[in-house]
């Protein structure tokens, strides 16, 4: 058994000037393998990815040098990134990529957060309560009431139809709308899943990079992993991980929702937080790659 701890500070893994750490290169190779598998499956070729990485390199380098001084010059960016000046000028002249989430994501995430965190929409046992579509009784909140807490411009029926399509909710035989326990990740809808891939994995990598570079106090990053397990053991651990994971997410969501309401309108309320959990099982292909 092992758990991750704070990654080494800026002094660890140093090599000769200009040479990247072999350990870092192995880590990058390992973490990009599942990403490349997705890219190949979706028809994203290496030339396309290369052009995309050029844009990211220029953006990150410019942002890093723009923190304490004026924006870096084209020549300076060329030295930092290894790109030719003409490529940098072309990239700087292009409009920035659209990073806005799909409409269903931004609204849906807020609604699910309220449904699982606000006492008005929670059951006595603490989970999200099954909701009627509409209700004339103010003491019995409905799905329509839930949607109106976030937006009065979107019809609740539109949200309900889309959530049913995505597998986020189901309507039972009594006509009550029940939230899927896996609603944090839609069962259908590639665009929604792709958005969360970028957001969640980027946050995780950002945490690791923060700890590796020693940028202030280390951020929480832990994992539990075992090998040499049977399928029977995996079934038990998979179920337990789901139970404990959802308990932790729902509890923190409840607290975060209260804090967000308290912070609403404050001039310094411009930060965000994220807690992510994942569960993996299968052959450890990365270990095979590392041993080569």
C-alpha atoms as a PDB file:
ATOM      1  CA  UNK A   1       0.000   0.000   0.000  1.00  0.00           C
ATOM      2  CA  UNK A   2       1.202   3.498  -0.699  1.00  0.00           C
ATOM      3  CA  UNK A   3      -0.113   7.034  -0.684  1.00  0.00           C
ATOM      4  CA  UNK A   4       1.126  10.068  -2.508  1.00  0.00           C
ATOM      5  CA  UNK A   5       2.722  12.864  -0.531  1.00  0.00           C
ATOM      6  CA  UNK A   6       3.937  16.298  -1.376  1.00  0.00           C
ATOM      7  CA  UNK A   7       5.981  16.206  -4.551  1.00  0.00           C
ATOM      8  CA  UNK A   8       9.629  17.158  -4.331  1.00  0.00           C
ATOM      9  CA  UNK A   9      10.480  20.860  -4.209  1.00  0.00           C
ATOM     10  CA  UNK A  10      12.355  22.758  -6.873  1.00  0.00           C
ATOM     11  CA  UNK A  11      15.712  21.264  -5.820  1.00  0.00           C
ATOM     12  CA  UNK A  12      14.722  17.636  -6.367  1.00  0.00           C
ATOM     13  CA  UNK A  13      15.323  15.901  -9.676  1.00  0.00           C
ATOM     14  CA  UNK A  14      17.778  18.510 -10.967  1.00  0.00           C
ATOM     15  CA  UNK A  15      20.002  17.654 -13.909  1.00  0.00           C
ATOM     16  CA  UNK A  16      22.536  19.535 -15.975  1.00  0.00           C
ATOM     17  CA  UNK A  17      21.370  22.957 -17.238  1.00  0.00           C
ATOM     18  CA  UNK A  18      19.141  22.605 -20.265  1.00  0.00           C
ATOM     19  CA  UNK A  19      18.430  18.911 -19.653  1.00  0.00           C
ATOM     20  CA  UNK A  20      14.986  17.891 -18.360  1.00  0.00           C
ATOM     21  CA  UNK A  21      14.775  15.483 -15.473  1.00  0.00           C
ATOM     22  CA  UNK A  22      14.515  11.840 -16.672  1.00  0.00           C
ATOM     23  CA  UNK A  23      12.010  11.205 -13.890  1.00  0.00           C
ATOM     24  CA  UNK A  24       9.884  14.107 -15.093  1.00  0.00           C
ATOM     25  CA  UNK A  25      10.015  12.839 -18.677  1.00  0.00           C
ATOM     26  CA  UNK A  26       8.879   9.392 -17.535  1.00  0.00           C
ATOM     27  CA  UNK A  27       6.021  10.983 -15.596  1.00  0.00           C
ATOM     28  CA  UNK A  28       4.943  13.046 -18.622  1.00  0.00           C
ATOM     29  CA  UNK A  29       5.094   9.943 -20.842  1.00  0.00           C
ATOM     30  CA  UNK A  30       2.903   8.043 -18.421  1.00  0.00           C
ATOM     31  CA  UNK A  31       0.278  10.733 -17.927  1.00  0.00           C
ATOM     32  CA  UNK A  32      -0.037  11.459 -21.661  1.00  0.00           C
ATOM     33  CA  UNK A  33      -0.643   7.845 -22.712  1.00  0.00           C
ATOM     34  CA  UNK A  34      -4.368   7.763 -21.834  1.00  0.00           C
ATOM     35  CA  UNK A  35      -4.770  11.243 -23.335  1.00  0.00           C
ATOM     36  CA  UNK A  36      -3.175  10.140 -26.621  1.00  0.00           C
ATOM     37  CA  UNK A  37      -5.461   7.106 -26.633  1.00  0.00           C
ATOM     38  CA  UNK A  38      -8.453   9.465 -26.480  1.00  0.00           C
ATOM     39  CA  UNK A  39      -7.013  11.748 -29.170  1.00  0.00           C
ATOM     40  CA  UNK A  40      -6.420   8.878 -31.579  1.00  0.00           C
ATOM     41  CA  UNK A  41      -9.906   7.500 -30.929  1.00  0.00           C
ATOM     42  CA  UNK A  42     -11.408  10.905 -31.740  1.00  0.00           C
ATOM     43  CA  UNK A  43      -9.301  11.627 -34.804  1.00  0.00           C
ATOM     44  CA  UNK A  44      -6.998  14.267 -33.302  1.00  0.00           C
ATOM     45  CA  UNK A  45      -3.712  13.817 -35.182  1.00  0.00           C
ATOM     46  CA  UNK A  46      -0.215  14.648 -33.975  1.00  0.00           C
ATOM     47  CA  UNK A  47       0.153  17.683 -36.319  1.00  0.00           C
ATOM     48  CA  UNK A  48      -3.104  19.097 -34.967  1.00  0.00           C
ATOM     49  CA  UNK A  49      -2.002  18.541 -31.373  1.00  0.00           C
ATOM     50  CA  UNK A  50       1.391  20.075 -32.126  1.00  0.00           C
ATOM     51  CA  UNK A  51      -0.208  23.290 -33.367  1.00  0.00           C
ATOM     52  CA  UNK A  52      -2.416  23.356 -30.288  1.00  0.00           C
ATOM     53  CA  UNK A  53       0.582  22.897 -27.983  1.00  0.00           C
ATOM     54  CA  UNK A  54       2.364  25.795 -29.683  1.00  0.00           C
ATOM     55  CA  UNK A  55      -0.533  28.047 -28.740  1.00  0.00           C
ATOM     56  CA  UNK A  56      -0.509  26.782 -25.158  1.00  0.00           C
ATOM     57  CA  UNK A  57       3.266  27.245 -24.861  1.00  0.00           C
ATOM     58  CA  UNK A  58       3.049  30.862 -25.991  1.00  0.00           C
ATOM     59  CA  UNK A  59       0.096  31.603 -23.725  1.00  0.00           C
ATOM     60  CA  UNK A  60       1.667  30.089 -20.595  1.00  0.00           C
ATOM     61  CA  UNK A  61       5.068  31.676 -21.218  1.00  0.00           C
ATOM     62  CA  UNK A  62       3.493  35.091 -21.771  1.00  0.00           C
ATOM     63  CA  UNK A  63       1.353  34.803 -18.641  1.00  0.00           C
ATOM     64  CA  UNK A  64       4.320  33.707 -16.508  1.00  0.00           C
ATOM     65  CA  UNK A  65       6.418  36.668 -17.563  1.00  0.00           C
ATOM     66  CA  UNK A  66       3.517  39.076 -17.334  1.00  0.00           C
ATOM     67  CA  UNK A  67       3.069  38.642 -13.604  1.00  0.00           C
ATOM     68  CA  UNK A  68       5.919  40.884 -12.472  1.00  0.00           C
ATOM     69  CA  UNK A  69       6.765  42.803 -15.630  1.00  0.00           C
ATOM     70  CA  UNK A  70       5.395  43.820 -19.000  1.00  0.00           C
ATOM     71  CA  UNK A  71       4.396  41.091 -21.431  1.00  0.00           C
ATOM     72  CA  UNK A  72       7.372  39.152 -22.766  1.00  0.00           C
ATOM     73  CA  UNK A  73       8.716  40.186 -26.160  1.00  0.00           C
ATOM     74  CA  UNK A  74       8.485  37.924 -29.175  1.00  0.00           C
ATOM     75  CA  UNK A  75      12.237  37.292 -28.963  1.00  0.00           C
ATOM     76  CA  UNK A  76      12.016  36.354 -25.301  1.00  0.00           C
ATOM     77  CA  UNK A  77       9.069  34.033 -25.939  1.00  0.00           C
ATOM     78  CA  UNK A  78      11.052  32.407 -28.741  1.00  0.00           C
ATOM     79  CA  UNK A  79      13.878  31.625 -26.328  1.00  0.00           C
ATOM     80  CA  UNK A  80      11.538  30.288 -23.635  1.00  0.00           C
ATOM     81  CA  UNK A  81       9.365  28.119 -25.865  1.00  0.00           C
ATOM     82  CA  UNK A  82      11.796  27.129 -28.597  1.00  0.00           C
ATOM     83  CA  UNK A  83       9.315  28.332 -31.235  1.00  0.00           C
ATOM     84  CA  UNK A  84      10.221  30.461 -34.210  1.00  0.00           C
ATOM     85  CA  UNK A  85       9.346  34.152 -34.076  1.00  0.00           C
ATOM     86  CA  UNK A  86       6.977  33.838 -37.039  1.00  0.00           C
ATOM     87  CA  UNK A  87       4.985  31.135 -35.245  1.00  0.00           C
ATOM     88  CA  UNK A  88       4.704  33.292 -32.134  1.00  0.00           C
ATOM     89  CA  UNK A  89       3.544  36.321 -34.115  1.00  0.00           C
ATOM     90  CA  UNK A  90       0.956  34.180 -35.918  1.00  0.00           C
ATOM     91  CA  UNK A  91      -0.348  32.752 -32.650  1.00  0.00           C
ATOM     92  CA  UNK A  92      -0.552  36.172 -30.994  1.00  0.00           C
ATOM     93  CA  UNK A  93      -2.589  37.443 -33.951  1.00  0.00           C
ATOM     94  CA  UNK A  94      -5.183  34.667 -33.656  1.00  0.00           C
ATOM     95  CA  UNK A  95      -8.305  34.998 -31.477  1.00  0.00           C
ATOM     96  CA  UNK A  96      -8.105  33.075 -28.187  1.00  0.00           C
ATOM     97  CA  UNK A  97      -9.871  29.693 -28.139  1.00  0.00           C
ATOM     98  CA  UNK A  98     -13.361  29.543 -26.688  1.00  0.00           C
ATOM     99  CA  UNK A  99     -13.011  28.087 -23.196  1.00  0.00           C
ATOM    100  CA  UNK A 100     -16.619  28.562 -22.152  1.00  0.00           C
ATOM    101  CA  UNK A 101     -18.284  25.365 -20.945  1.00  0.00           C
ATOM    102  CA  UNK A 102     -21.314  23.922 -22.755  1.00  0.00           C
ATOM    103  CA  UNK A 103     -24.463  25.751 -21.552  1.00  0.00           C
ATOM    104  CA  UNK A 104     -25.770  22.645 -19.818  1.00  0.00           C
ATOM    105  CA  UNK A 105     -22.587  22.356 -17.737  1.00  0.00           C
ATOM    106  CA  UNK A 106     -22.452  25.744 -16.017  1.00  0.00           C
ATOM    107  CA  UNK A 107     -26.162  25.791 -15.172  1.00  0.00           C
ATOM    108  CA  UNK A 108     -26.329  22.085 -14.398  1.00  0.00           C
ATOM    109  CA  UNK A 109     -23.371  22.125 -12.012  1.00  0.00           C
ATOM    110  CA  UNK A 110     -24.964  24.913  -9.983  1.00  0.00           C
ATOM    111  CA  UNK A 111     -28.345  23.148  -9.857  1.00  0.00           C
ATOM    112  CA  UNK A 112     -26.828  19.838  -8.744  1.00  0.00           C
ATOM    113  CA  UNK A 113     -24.814  21.658  -6.101  1.00  0.00           C
ATOM    114  CA  UNK A 114     -27.977  23.204  -4.664  1.00  0.00           C
ATOM    115  CA  UNK A 115     -29.966  19.970  -4.897  1.00  0.00           C
ATOM    116  CA  UNK A 116     -27.310  18.067  -2.944  1.00  0.00           C
ATOM    117  CA  UNK A 117     -26.286  20.861  -0.570  1.00  0.00           C
ATOM    118  CA  UNK A 118     -29.300  23.048   0.220  1.00  0.00           C
ATOM    119  CA  UNK A 119     -31.434  21.770   3.107  1.00  0.00           C
ATOM    120  CA  UNK A 120     -34.622  22.718   1.226  1.00  0.00           C
ATOM    121  CA  UNK A 121     -33.928  20.093  -1.421  1.00  0.00           C
ATOM    122  CA  UNK A 122     -32.371  17.372   0.726  1.00  0.00           C
ATOM    123  CA  UNK A 123     -34.067  14.341   2.236  1.00  0.00           C
ATOM    124  CA  UNK A 124     -34.083  13.647   5.968  1.00  0.00           C
ATOM    125  CA  UNK A 125     -31.238  11.154   5.544  1.00  0.00           C
ATOM    126  CA  UNK A 126     -29.120  13.852   3.923  1.00  0.00           C
ATOM    127  CA  UNK A 127     -29.207  12.890   0.258  1.00  0.00           C
ATOM    128  CA  UNK A 128     -30.943  14.793  -2.553  1.00  0.00           C
ATOM    129  CA  UNK A 129     -34.705  14.455  -2.131  1.00  0.00           C
ATOM    130  CA  UNK A 130     -36.926  13.170  -4.945  1.00  0.00           C
ATOM    131  CA  UNK A 131     -38.826  16.187  -6.262  1.00  0.00           C
ATOM    132  CA  UNK A 132     -42.219  16.584  -7.872  1.00  0.00           C
ATOM    133  CA  UNK A 133     -42.225  18.460 -11.138  1.00  0.00           C
ATOM    134  CA  UNK A 134     -44.309  21.284  -9.614  1.00  0.00           C
ATOM    135  CA  UNK A 135     -45.886  22.018  -6.237  1.00  0.00           C
ATOM    136  CA  UNK A 136     -48.395  24.543  -4.895  1.00  0.00           C
ATOM    137  CA  UNK A 137     -47.248  23.887  -1.329  1.00  0.00           C
ATOM    138  CA  UNK A 138     -44.335  26.196  -0.358  1.00  0.00           C
ATOM    139  CA  UNK A 139     -43.274  23.622   2.231  1.00  0.00           C
ATOM    140  CA  UNK A 140     -42.776  20.990  -0.497  1.00  0.00           C
ATOM    141  CA  UNK A 141     -40.120  22.218  -2.931  1.00  0.00           C
ATOM    142  CA  UNK A 142     -40.356  21.071  -6.522  1.00  0.00           C
ATOM    143  CA  UNK A 143     -38.038  20.660  -9.480  1.00  0.00           C
ATOM    144  CA  UNK A 144     -39.415  23.921 -10.863  1.00  0.00           C
ATOM    145  CA  UNK A 145     -38.453  25.639  -7.586  1.00  0.00           C
ATOM    146  CA  UNK A 146     -34.952  24.203  -7.866  1.00  0.00           C
ATOM    147  CA  UNK A 147     -34.426  25.608 -11.367  1.00  0.00           C
ATOM    148  CA  UNK A 148     -35.785  29.016 -10.368  1.00  0.00           C
ATOM    149  CA  UNK A 149     -33.185  29.320  -7.600  1.00  0.00           C
ATOM    150  CA  UNK A 150     -30.576  29.677 -10.344  1.00  0.00           C
ATOM    151  CA  UNK A 151     -32.389  31.068 -13.378  1.00  0.00           C
ATOM    152  CA  UNK A 152     -35.801  32.364 -14.299  1.00  0.00           C
ATOM    153  CA  UNK A 153     -34.874  32.581 -17.978  1.00  0.00           C
ATOM    154  CA  UNK A 154     -34.748  28.830 -18.602  1.00  0.00           C
ATOM    155  CA  UNK A 155     -37.868  26.713 -18.558  1.00  0.00           C
ATOM    156  CA  UNK A 156     -37.626  23.854 -16.028  1.00  0.00           C
ATOM    157  CA  UNK A 157     -39.087  21.469 -18.614  1.00  0.00           C
ATOM    158  CA  UNK A 158     -36.144  22.115 -20.917  1.00  0.00           C
ATOM    159  CA  UNK A 159     -33.692  21.267 -18.115  1.00  0.00           C
ATOM    160  CA  UNK A 160     -35.662  18.154 -17.196  1.00  0.00           C
ATOM    161  CA  UNK A 161     -35.727  16.838 -20.768  1.00  0.00           C
ATOM    162  CA  UNK A 162     -31.994  17.424 -21.220  1.00  0.00           C
ATOM    163  CA  UNK A 163     -31.122  15.833 -17.873  1.00  0.00           C
ATOM    164  CA  UNK A 164     -33.193  12.774 -18.710  1.00  0.00           C
ATOM    165  CA  UNK A 165     -31.312  12.484 -22.001  1.00  0.00           C
ATOM    166  CA  UNK A 166     -27.977  12.711 -20.188  1.00  0.00           C
ATOM    167  CA  UNK A 167     -29.006  10.243 -17.480  1.00  0.00           C
ATOM    168  CA  UNK A 168     -28.663  12.823 -14.714  1.00  0.00           C
ATOM    169  CA  UNK A 169     -32.227  12.323 -13.477  1.00  0.00           C
ATOM    170  CA  UNK A 170     -34.975   9.731 -13.807  1.00  0.00           C
ATOM    171  CA  UNK A 171     -38.717  10.024 -13.232  1.00  0.00           C
ATOM    172  CA  UNK A 172     -40.069   7.191 -11.085  1.00  0.00           C
ATOM    173  CA  UNK A 173     -43.503   5.548 -11.219  1.00  0.00           C
ATOM    174  CA  UNK A 174     -44.868   8.130  -8.772  1.00  0.00           C
ATOM    175  CA  UNK A 175     -43.842  10.999 -11.010  1.00  0.00           C
ATOM    176  CA  UNK A 176     -41.012  12.104  -8.713  1.00  0.00           C
ATOM    177  CA  UNK A 177     -37.747  13.304 -10.231  1.00  0.00           C
ATOM    178  CA  UNK A 178     -34.755  11.536  -8.718  1.00  0.00           C
ATOM    179  CA  UNK A 179     -31.137  12.640  -9.063  1.00  0.00           C
ATOM    180  CA  UNK A 180     -28.780   9.974 -10.333  1.00  0.00           C
ATOM    181  CA  UNK A 181     -26.122   9.209  -7.702  1.00  0.00           C
ATOM    182  CA  UNK A 182     -23.518   9.559 -10.463  1.00  0.00           C
ATOM    183  CA  UNK A 183     -24.850  12.935 -11.582  1.00  0.00           C
ATOM    184  CA  UNK A 184     -21.492  14.627 -11.081  1.00  0.00           C
ATOM    185  CA  UNK A 185     -20.524  12.968 -14.381  1.00  0.00           C
ATOM    186  CA  UNK A 186     -23.273  12.763 -17.049  1.00  0.00           C
ATOM    187  CA  UNK A 187     -23.851   9.269 -18.438  1.00  0.00           C
ATOM    188  CA  UNK A 188     -24.358  10.656 -21.948  1.00  0.00           C
ATOM    189  CA  UNK A 189     -23.221  13.814 -23.679  1.00  0.00           C
ATOM    190  CA  UNK A 190     -19.651  13.816 -24.995  1.00  0.00           C
ATOM    191  CA  UNK A 191     -19.257  17.603 -24.822  1.00  0.00           C
ATOM    192  CA  UNK A 192     -20.152  17.659 -21.131  1.00  0.00           C
ATOM    193  CA  UNK A 193     -17.741  14.836 -20.327  1.00  0.00           C
ATOM    194  CA  UNK A 194     -14.984  16.448 -22.379  1.00  0.00           C
ATOM    195  CA  UNK A 195     -15.450  19.715 -20.502  1.00  0.00           C
ATOM    196  CA  UNK A 196     -15.028  18.007 -17.150  1.00  0.00           C
ATOM    197  CA  UNK A 197     -11.996  16.126 -18.477  1.00  0.00           C
ATOM    198  CA  UNK A 198     -10.285  19.444 -19.135  1.00  0.00           C
ATOM    199  CA  UNK A 199     -11.376  21.067 -15.914  1.00  0.00           C
ATOM    200  CA  UNK A 200     -10.851  18.208 -13.440  1.00  0.00           C
ATOM    201  CA  UNK A 201      -7.621  16.800 -14.836  1.00  0.00           C
ATOM    202  CA  UNK A 202      -6.178  20.293 -15.284  1.00  0.00           C
ATOM    203  CA  UNK A 203      -6.889  21.083 -11.629  1.00  0.00           C
ATOM    204  CA  UNK A 204      -5.229  17.846 -10.534  1.00  0.00           C
ATOM    205  CA  UNK A 205      -2.145  18.514 -12.654  1.00  0.00           C
ATOM    206  CA  UNK A 206      -2.037  22.126 -11.431  1.00  0.00           C
ATOM    207  CA  UNK A 207      -1.964  20.848  -7.853  1.00  0.00           C
ATOM    208  CA  UNK A 208       0.910  18.483  -8.636  1.00  0.00           C
ATOM    209  CA  UNK A 209       2.832  21.224 -10.449  1.00  0.00           C
ATOM    210  CA  UNK A 210       2.290  23.609  -7.526  1.00  0.00           C
ATOM    211  CA  UNK A 211       3.787  21.032  -5.168  1.00  0.00           C
ATOM    212  CA  UNK A 212       6.651  20.113  -7.497  1.00  0.00           C
ATOM    213  CA  UNK A 213       7.715  23.714  -8.002  1.00  0.00           C
ATOM    214  CA  UNK A 214       7.397  24.526  -4.312  1.00  0.00           C
ATOM    215  CA  UNK A 215       5.062  27.481  -4.942  1.00  0.00           C
ATOM    216  CA  UNK A 216       4.044  28.150  -1.347  1.00  0.00           C
ATOM    217  CA  UNK A 217       2.438  25.726   1.078  1.00  0.00           C
ATOM    218  CA  UNK A 218       1.736  22.305  -0.463  1.00  0.00           C
ATOM    219  CA  UNK A 219      -1.805  21.553  -1.574  1.00  0.00           C
ATOM    220  CA  UNK A 220      -3.585  18.375  -0.538  1.00  0.00           C
ATOM    221  CA  UNK A 221      -2.885  15.486  -2.934  1.00  0.00           C
ATOM    222  CA  UNK A 222      -3.197  11.894  -1.826  1.00  0.00           C
ATOM    223  CA  UNK A 223      -4.005   8.529  -3.361  1.00  0.00           C
ATOM    224  CA  UNK A 224      -4.317   4.942  -2.149  1.00  0.00           C
ATOM    225  CA  UNK A 225      -3.192   2.157  -4.440  1.00  0.00           C
ATOM    226  CA  UNK A 226      -2.722  -1.615  -4.221  1.00  0.00           C
ATOM    227  CA  UNK A 227      -1.777  -4.261  -6.736  1.00  0.00           C
ATOM    228  CA  UNK A 228      -2.063  -8.070  -6.834  1.00  0.00           C
ATOM    229  CA  UNK A 229      -5.827  -7.963  -6.271  1.00  0.00           C
ATOM    230  CA  UNK A 230      -8.464 -10.428  -7.461  1.00  0.00           C
ATOM    231  CA  UNK A 231     -11.641  -9.431  -9.352  1.00  0.00           C
ATOM    232  CA  UNK A 232     -13.626 -10.231  -6.215  1.00  0.00           C
ATOM    233  CA  UNK A 233     -11.581  -7.796  -4.158  1.00  0.00           C
ATOM    234  CA  UNK A 234     -11.917  -5.148  -6.846  1.00  0.00           C
ATOM    235  CA  UNK A 235     -15.696  -5.448  -6.711  1.00  0.00           C
ATOM    236  CA  UNK A 236     -15.679  -4.854  -2.953  1.00  0.00           C
ATOM    237  CA  UNK A 237     -13.249  -1.928  -3.149  1.00  0.00           C
ATOM    238  CA  UNK A 238     -15.071  -0.346  -6.106  1.00  0.00           C
ATOM    239  CA  UNK A 239     -18.321  -0.270  -4.143  1.00  0.00           C
ATOM    240  CA  UNK A 240     -16.611   1.043  -1.014  1.00  0.00           C
ATOM    241  CA  UNK A 241     -14.787   3.758  -2.946  1.00  0.00           C
ATOM    242  CA  UNK A 242     -18.059   4.944  -4.464  1.00  0.00           C
ATOM    243  CA  UNK A 243     -19.772   5.090  -1.077  1.00  0.00           C
ATOM    244  CA  UNK A 244     -16.960   6.931   0.700  1.00  0.00           C
ATOM    245  CA  UNK A 245     -16.281   9.207  -2.254  1.00  0.00           C
ATOM    246  CA  UNK A 246     -19.869  10.377  -2.597  1.00  0.00           C
ATOM    247  CA  UNK A 247     -20.118  10.905   1.161  1.00  0.00           C
ATOM    248  CA  UNK A 248     -17.075  13.173   1.087  1.00  0.00           C
ATOM    249  CA  UNK A 249     -18.218  15.109  -2.001  1.00  0.00           C
ATOM    250  CA  UNK A 250     -21.734  15.683  -0.681  1.00  0.00           C
ATOM    251  CA  UNK A 251     -20.472  16.801   2.740  1.00  0.00           C
ATOM    252  CA  UNK A 252     -17.999  19.302   1.282  1.00  0.00           C
ATOM    253  CA  UNK A 253     -20.551  20.522  -1.253  1.00  0.00           C
ATOM    254  CA  UNK A 254     -22.929  21.344   1.596  1.00  0.00           C
ATOM    255  CA  UNK A 255     -20.259  23.401   3.371  1.00  0.00           C
ATOM    256  CA  UNK A 256     -19.053  25.070   0.170  1.00  0.00           C
ATOM    257  CA  UNK A 257     -22.595  26.092  -0.787  1.00  0.00           C
ATOM    258  CA  UNK A 258     -23.008  27.853   2.568  1.00  0.00           C
ATOM    259  CA  UNK A 259     -19.673  29.635   2.144  1.00  0.00           C
ATOM    260  CA  UNK A 260     -20.544  30.692  -1.391  1.00  0.00           C
ATOM    261  CA  UNK A 261     -23.797  32.231  -0.183  1.00  0.00           C
ATOM    262  CA  UNK A 262     -21.981  34.056   2.628  1.00  0.00           C
ATOM    263  CA  UNK A 263     -19.287  35.339   0.235  1.00  0.00           C
ATOM    264  CA  UNK A 264     -21.723  36.524  -2.422  1.00  0.00           C
ATOM    265  CA  UNK A 265     -21.095  40.201  -3.235  1.00  0.00           C
ATOM    266  CA  UNK A 266     -17.848  40.535  -1.275  1.00  0.00           C
ATOM    267  CA  UNK A 267     -15.160  42.471  -3.187  1.00  0.00           C
ATOM    268  CA  UNK A 268     -12.481  39.801  -2.702  1.00  0.00           C
ATOM    269  CA  UNK A 269     -14.695  36.841  -3.663  1.00  0.00           C
ATOM    270  CA  UNK A 270     -12.818  35.898  -6.815  1.00  0.00           C
ATOM    271  CA  UNK A 271     -11.226  32.563  -5.879  1.00  0.00           C
ATOM    272  CA  UNK A 272     -12.430  29.028  -6.531  1.00  0.00           C
ATOM    273  CA  UNK A 273     -11.790  25.579  -5.075  1.00  0.00           C
ATOM    274  CA  UNK A 274     -12.196  22.017  -6.259  1.00  0.00           C
ATOM    275  CA  UNK A 275     -12.029  18.597  -4.664  1.00  0.00           C
ATOM    276  CA  UNK A 276     -11.881  15.703  -7.092  1.00  0.00           C
ATOM    277  CA  UNK A 277     -11.965  11.952  -6.549  1.00  0.00           C
ATOM    278  CA  UNK A 278     -11.286   9.168  -8.998  1.00  0.00           C
ATOM    279  CA  UNK A 279     -11.202   5.397  -8.943  1.00  0.00           C
ATOM    280  CA  UNK A 280      -9.128   3.245 -11.295  1.00  0.00           C
ATOM    281  CA  UNK A 281      -8.863  -0.500 -11.698  1.00  0.00           C
ATOM    282  CA  UNK A 282      -7.165  -2.657 -14.275  1.00  0.00           C
ATOM    283  CA  UNK A 283      -3.670  -3.684 -15.328  1.00  0.00           C
ATOM    284  CA  UNK A 284      -0.989  -1.185 -14.405  1.00  0.00           C
ATOM    285  CA  UNK A 285       0.194  -0.415 -17.924  1.00  0.00           C
ATOM    286  CA  UNK A 286       2.217   2.553 -16.693  1.00  0.00           C
ATOM    287  CA  UNK A 287       4.396   0.323 -14.524  1.00  0.00           C
ATOM    288  CA  UNK A 288       5.259  -1.751 -17.588  1.00  0.00           C
ATOM    289  CA  UNK A 289       6.279   1.375 -19.422  1.00  0.00           C
ATOM    290  CA  UNK A 290       8.394   2.627 -16.509  1.00  0.00           C
ATOM    291  CA  UNK A 291      10.328  -0.644 -16.329  1.00  0.00           C
ATOM    292  CA  UNK A 292      11.516  -0.436 -19.918  1.00  0.00           C
END
